[in-house]
Protein backbone atom coordinates (compact mmCIF):
# COMPACT_ATOMS: atom_id res chain seq x y z
CA MET A 1 21.04 -12.15 10.02
CA LEU A 2 23.15 -15.25 10.88
CA LEU A 3 26.00 -13.10 11.88
CA GLN A 4 24.31 -10.87 13.95
CA LEU A 5 22.43 -13.48 15.88
CA LYS A 6 26.25 -15.51 16.37
CA ARG A 7 27.88 -11.95 17.60
CA LYS A 8 25.51 -11.54 20.23
CA GLU A 9 27.25 -11.90 23.86
CA ASN A 10 24.26 -13.41 25.59
CA GLN A 11 23.82 -17.04 23.81
CA SER A 12 20.19 -17.82 25.24
CA GLN A 13 18.39 -21.03 24.40
CA ALA A 14 15.62 -18.23 22.46
CA ASN A 15 18.97 -17.16 20.24
CA LEU A 16 19.93 -20.54 19.64
CA ASN A 17 16.87 -21.32 18.48
CA ALA A 18 16.76 -18.05 16.10
CA ILE A 19 20.27 -19.43 14.67
CA LYS A 20 18.67 -22.84 14.15
CA ILE A 21 15.66 -21.38 12.31
CA ILE A 22 17.84 -19.57 10.01
CA GLU A 23 20.29 -22.30 9.55
CA GLU A 24 17.45 -25.00 8.78
CA CYS A 25 14.09 -23.77 8.77
CA PHE A 26 14.65 -20.39 6.81
CA ASP A 27 12.33 -21.71 3.66
CA GLU A 28 9.46 -22.66 6.39
CA PHE A 29 9.99 -19.54 8.15
CA THR A 30 9.85 -17.22 5.12
CA LYS A 31 6.74 -18.78 4.07
CA LYS A 32 5.17 -18.70 7.73
CA HIS A 33 4.75 -22.67 7.97
CA TYR A 34 5.08 -22.35 11.57
CA SER A 35 3.92 -25.91 12.18
CA LYS A 36 6.72 -27.77 10.23
CA ILE A 37 9.25 -25.83 12.13
CA LEU A 38 7.57 -27.06 15.34
CA LEU A 39 7.20 -30.65 13.79
CA LYS A 40 11.11 -30.49 12.88
CA CYS A 41 12.90 -28.96 15.61
CA ASN A 42 10.14 -30.59 18.20
CA TRP A 43 9.55 -27.36 20.13
CA ASP A 44 6.59 -25.85 21.70
CA GLU A 45 5.03 -22.74 20.25
CA SER A 46 6.07 -20.71 23.34
CA GLU A 47 9.92 -21.31 22.17
CA LEU A 48 9.01 -20.87 18.51
CA LYS A 49 7.39 -17.46 19.43
CA GLU A 50 10.51 -16.34 21.42
CA ALA A 51 12.60 -17.55 18.58
CA ILE A 52 10.94 -15.69 16.01
CA ASP A 53 10.53 -12.29 18.36
CA ILE A 54 14.30 -12.38 18.31
CA ILE A 55 14.51 -12.68 14.33
CA LEU A 56 12.18 -9.85 14.02
CA LYS A 57 13.85 -7.54 15.73
CA LEU A 58 17.37 -8.17 13.32
CA ASN A 59 18.41 -5.94 10.52
CA PRO A 60 17.46 -7.99 7.36
CA LYS A 61 19.73 -5.21 5.17
CA PRO A 62 22.57 -3.77 7.53
CA GLY A 63 24.65 -2.39 4.36
CA SER A 64 21.43 -0.25 3.18
CA SER A 65 22.42 2.14 6.27
CA PHE A 66 25.57 3.51 5.01
CA GLY A 67 23.39 4.87 1.30
CA GLU A 68 20.53 5.92 3.81
CA PRO A 69 21.49 10.08 3.61
CA GLN A 70 21.64 9.97 -0.10
CA THR A 71 18.72 7.55 -0.45
CA ARG A 72 16.60 10.31 1.81
CA SER A 73 17.49 13.46 -0.13
CA LEU A 74 16.73 11.72 -3.41
CA MET A 75 13.42 10.65 -2.10
CA ALA A 76 12.42 14.28 -1.11
CA ILE A 77 9.72 15.35 -2.70
CA ILE A 78 9.05 19.06 -3.73
CA PRO A 79 5.21 19.92 -4.52
CA ASP A 80 4.55 21.47 -7.63
CA PHE A 81 1.10 22.99 -5.63
CA LEU A 82 0.42 24.25 -2.67
CA LEU A 83 -3.22 24.16 -1.44
CA GLU A 84 -4.34 25.86 1.41
CA VAL A 85 -7.68 25.24 3.55
CA ASN A 86 -9.75 28.17 4.77
CA GLY A 87 -13.22 27.23 6.15
CA ASN A 88 -15.28 25.53 3.11
CA GLU A 89 -12.74 27.49 0.58
CA ILE A 90 -9.89 26.12 -1.24
CA LYS A 91 -6.75 27.99 -2.36
CA ILE A 92 -4.50 26.68 -5.28
CA THR A 93 -0.98 28.54 -6.06
CA LEU A 94 2.60 27.31 -7.65
CA ASN A 95 5.17 26.58 -5.72
CA GLN A 96 7.24 29.43 -6.22
CA ARG A 97 10.07 27.33 -6.00
CA ASN A 98 9.49 25.12 -8.85
CA ALA A 99 8.31 28.13 -11.09
CA PRO A 100 10.27 31.15 -10.25
CA GLU A 101 9.05 34.83 -12.30
CA LEU A 102 10.44 34.92 -15.30
CA ARG A 103 11.44 38.50 -16.98
CA ILE A 104 13.65 40.22 -19.97
CA ASN A 105 16.60 42.29 -18.32
CA GLN A 106 15.61 45.82 -19.29
CA SER A 107 19.09 46.44 -20.20
CA PHE A 108 18.64 44.39 -23.27
CA ALA A 109 15.96 46.45 -24.20
CA GLU A 110 17.36 49.50 -24.33
CA MET A 111 20.18 48.16 -25.85
CA LEU A 112 17.82 47.41 -28.74
CA GLU A 113 16.62 50.99 -28.91
CA GLN A 114 20.27 51.98 -29.15
CA TYR A 115 20.51 50.46 -32.36
CA ALA A 116 17.25 50.71 -34.01
CA ASN A 117 18.25 54.38 -35.40
CA LYS A 118 21.97 53.31 -36.48
CA ASN A 119 22.25 52.97 -40.25
CA SER A 120 25.93 51.09 -40.14
CA THR A 121 25.83 47.25 -41.40
CA GLU A 122 27.27 46.32 -38.33
CA ASP A 123 24.85 48.29 -36.12
CA LYS A 124 21.77 46.46 -38.09
CA ASN A 125 23.07 43.33 -38.11
CA ALA A 126 23.73 43.75 -34.24
CA PHE A 127 20.01 45.09 -33.72
CA LEU A 128 18.88 41.90 -35.95
CA PHE A 129 20.94 39.41 -33.54
CA ILE A 130 19.25 41.21 -30.19
CA LYS A 131 15.71 41.65 -31.67
CA GLN A 132 15.89 37.48 -32.46
CA LYS A 133 16.90 36.65 -28.90
CA LEU A 134 14.67 39.02 -27.10
CA ASP A 135 11.55 37.69 -29.46
CA SER A 136 13.05 34.63 -28.56
CA ALA A 137 12.95 34.98 -24.83
CA LYS A 138 9.58 36.30 -24.77
CA TRP A 139 8.59 33.36 -26.87
CA PHE A 140 9.93 30.87 -24.30
CA ILE A 141 8.45 33.17 -21.23
CA ASP A 142 4.89 33.08 -23.16
CA ALA A 143 5.19 29.40 -23.37
CA VAL A 144 6.16 28.86 -19.75
CA THR A 145 3.19 31.15 -18.71
CA GLN A 146 1.11 28.99 -20.41
CA ARG A 147 2.36 26.20 -19.19
CA GLN A 148 1.73 27.07 -15.39
CA ASN A 149 -1.79 28.56 -16.61
CA THR A 150 -2.66 24.85 -17.72
CA LEU A 151 -1.27 23.13 -14.38
CA LEU A 152 -2.99 25.53 -12.49
CA PHE A 153 -6.50 25.48 -14.37
CA THR A 154 -6.06 21.32 -14.10
CA MET A 155 -5.10 21.30 -9.98
CA ASN A 156 -8.14 23.74 -9.94
CA ALA A 157 -10.64 21.11 -11.36
CA ILE A 158 -9.18 18.46 -9.59
CA ALA A 159 -9.56 20.16 -6.24
CA GLU A 160 -13.21 20.80 -7.38
CA PHE A 161 -14.13 17.43 -8.17
CA GLN A 162 -12.21 15.94 -5.03
CA LYS A 163 -13.41 19.08 -2.87
CA ASP A 164 -14.94 17.11 -0.24
CA PHE A 165 -11.78 15.54 0.31
CA PHE A 166 -9.51 18.23 0.30
CA LEU A 167 -12.06 19.73 2.96
CA SER A 168 -11.77 16.27 5.00
CA GLY A 169 -8.84 14.94 4.59
CA ASP A 170 -10.77 11.77 4.77
CA ASP A 171 -9.78 8.72 2.03
CA THR A 172 -14.05 7.54 2.00
CA ASP A 173 -14.88 11.02 0.79
CA LEU A 174 -12.75 10.68 -2.96
CA LYS A 175 -15.31 10.55 -5.69
CA PRO A 176 -15.02 8.06 -8.54
CA MET A 177 -12.56 10.32 -11.25
CA ILE A 178 -10.97 9.25 -14.20
CA LEU A 179 -8.93 11.09 -16.69
CA LYS A 180 -11.98 11.86 -18.73
CA ASP A 181 -13.88 13.62 -16.12
CA ILE A 182 -10.94 16.63 -15.67
CA ALA A 183 -10.66 16.56 -19.75
CA GLU A 184 -14.17 17.18 -20.20
CA ILE A 185 -14.11 19.94 -17.51
CA THR A 186 -10.77 21.79 -18.68
CA GLY A 187 -11.55 21.23 -22.20
CA LEU A 188 -8.06 19.74 -22.42
CA ASP A 189 -6.78 16.67 -24.02
CA ILE A 190 -7.11 13.44 -22.19
CA SER A 191 -2.75 13.10 -22.97
CA THR A 192 -2.42 16.43 -21.41
CA ILE A 193 -4.29 15.43 -18.19
CA SER A 194 -2.30 12.24 -17.98
CA ARG A 195 0.92 14.08 -18.17
CA VAL A 196 0.40 15.92 -15.19
CA ALA A 197 -1.43 13.38 -13.24
CA ASN A 198 1.99 11.15 -13.52
CA SER A 199 4.24 13.90 -13.16
CA LYS A 200 2.69 16.27 -10.34
CA TYR A 201 2.37 16.39 -6.60
CA VAL A 202 0.66 18.64 -4.55
CA SER A 203 1.05 19.88 -0.90
CA THR A 204 -2.10 19.53 1.27
CA PRO A 205 -2.78 20.00 5.04
CA TYR A 206 -2.39 16.26 5.43
CA GLY A 207 0.79 15.65 3.54
CA ASN A 208 1.95 15.53 0.01
CA TYR A 209 -0.02 13.78 -2.54
CA SER A 210 1.01 12.50 -6.58
CA LEU A 211 -2.06 14.05 -8.62
CA LYS A 212 -2.52 10.19 -9.56
CA TYR A 213 -3.45 9.41 -6.37
CA PHE A 214 -6.99 11.10 -6.69
CA PHE A 215 -7.82 9.26 -9.83
CA SER A 216 -9.57 6.09 -9.35
CA GLU A 217 -12.73 3.99 -10.94
CA ALA A 218 -15.77 3.45 -9.83
CA MET A 219 -17.82 0.79 -8.35
CA GLN A 220 -21.57 0.37 -7.28
CA THR A 221 -23.16 -0.32 -3.91
CA ASP A 222 -26.25 -2.36 -3.27
CA SER A 223 -27.77 0.76 -2.42
CA GLY A 224 -26.81 1.91 -5.98
CA GLU A 225 -24.52 4.51 -4.54
CA GLU A 226 -21.31 4.74 -7.00
CA VAL A 227 -17.79 4.77 -4.48
CA SER A 228 -14.42 5.28 -5.46
CA THR A 229 -12.34 1.76 -5.48
CA ARG A 230 -9.99 4.06 -3.06
CA GLU A 231 -12.77 4.06 -0.63
CA ILE A 232 -13.06 -0.04 -0.78
CA LYS A 233 -9.20 -0.15 -0.46
CA GLN A 234 -9.14 1.82 2.47
CA ILE A 235 -12.44 -0.31 4.09
CA LEU A 236 -10.25 -3.67 2.89
CA LYS A 237 -6.93 -2.32 4.72
CA GLU A 238 -9.29 -1.31 7.84
CA LEU A 239 -10.68 -4.99 7.84
CA ILE A 240 -6.83 -6.50 7.72
CA ASP A 241 -5.34 -4.35 10.71
CA ALA A 242 -8.06 -5.46 12.67
CA GLU A 243 -8.10 -8.76 12.30
CA ASP A 244 -7.11 -11.67 14.70
CA LYS A 245 -3.44 -12.07 13.16
CA SER A 246 -3.16 -15.95 14.87
CA LYS A 247 -6.21 -16.44 12.44
CA PRO A 248 -5.85 -13.64 9.28
CA LEU A 249 -8.94 -13.38 6.95
CA THR A 250 -8.29 -14.84 3.78
CA ASP A 251 -9.10 -13.31 0.53
CA ASP A 252 -12.77 -15.20 0.33
CA LYS A 253 -13.55 -14.03 3.70
CA LEU A 254 -12.38 -10.73 3.02
CA ALA A 255 -15.22 -10.35 -0.10
CA ASP A 256 -17.72 -11.65 2.24
CA GLU A 257 -17.24 -8.84 4.72
CA LEU A 258 -17.39 -6.42 1.85
CA ARG A 259 -20.23 -8.34 0.94
CA GLU A 260 -21.99 -7.29 4.28
CA ARG A 261 -21.14 -3.74 3.94
CA GLY A 262 -22.55 -3.82 0.76
CA TYR A 263 -19.75 -3.97 -1.91
CA GLN A 264 -20.27 -6.70 -4.21
CA ILE A 265 -16.75 -7.30 -5.34
CA ALA A 266 -15.28 -10.49 -6.28
CA ARG A 267 -12.22 -12.46 -4.45
CA ARG A 268 -10.26 -12.02 -7.18
CA THR A 269 -10.80 -8.31 -7.25
CA VAL A 270 -9.71 -8.42 -3.26
CA ALA A 271 -6.83 -9.99 -4.46
CA LYS A 272 -5.96 -7.47 -6.83
CA TYR A 273 -6.55 -4.60 -4.30
CA ARG A 274 -4.26 -6.11 -1.82
CA GLU A 275 -1.38 -6.65 -3.59
CA GLN A 276 -1.79 -3.11 -4.93
CA LEU A 277 -1.75 -1.93 -1.13
CA GLU A 278 1.35 -4.28 -0.77
CA ILE A 279 -0.51 -6.71 1.47
CA PRO A 280 0.39 -10.34 1.51
CA VAL A 281 -1.60 -13.20 1.97
CA ALA A 282 -3.41 -14.63 4.88
CA ARG A 283 -0.89 -17.21 5.38
CA LEU A 284 1.62 -14.52 5.44
CA ARG A 285 0.27 -12.24 7.81
CA LYS A 286 -0.20 -15.03 10.38
CA GLU A 287 1.64 -14.48 13.88
CA LEU A 288 1.78 -16.40 16.61
């Protein structure tokens, strides 16, 4: 960032102040200890704000652009399921790009018939060899078909459980759902549900989602209603988005706000959810 600042042709006072922050007050800047910077540099708040605005426009990782096309291709997600909504109906299909139809080439079956009635040792060995390979191919196709049926069965159970969300796309419509719930509906082992949830994606009218996104613990409101922790995280994010950035809400105040809305939640739980949302503490969210 320092090189970017020093290479600017127009070295305004704000730009020089930005250089001073990077060279002499970088630790205070990263921790947003603005009062310490003001005291150390003997500036007023407007001078500090102008310098920070310049710094925020810099690229902190200029070298990352060289690998950008490759990174973008590696991050591309091909969903395993395609979910369509038609009125109040939900239709789920496997993405054929990930699951092409498998079948045995008819010429091998015909070849087996040709050797079936021949009596020479060489022909009998050829018959046994072809039959063994055909049986292996049939077993493989049956195994793939069974796996696809398991995937569809699991996805349909999730879609039925979270039908309100799939019809609306609203995160607050997500119900509390754990692996055990889907295991009981499908009759499958929890470990099977876990493998599907942790590795598969579904394409919906609202975007692509990892199946594990739909799983969350339950929390009870003052009215006794069970809500998903996902709903609480969404409200927490909305509170932080709407806060006064010059006086961001601390975890204690966020907990108070949630309690006023009927969610009995401790400060440490707010901190945990905030970290899961990758939102920094109040001090680091402060803006001038």
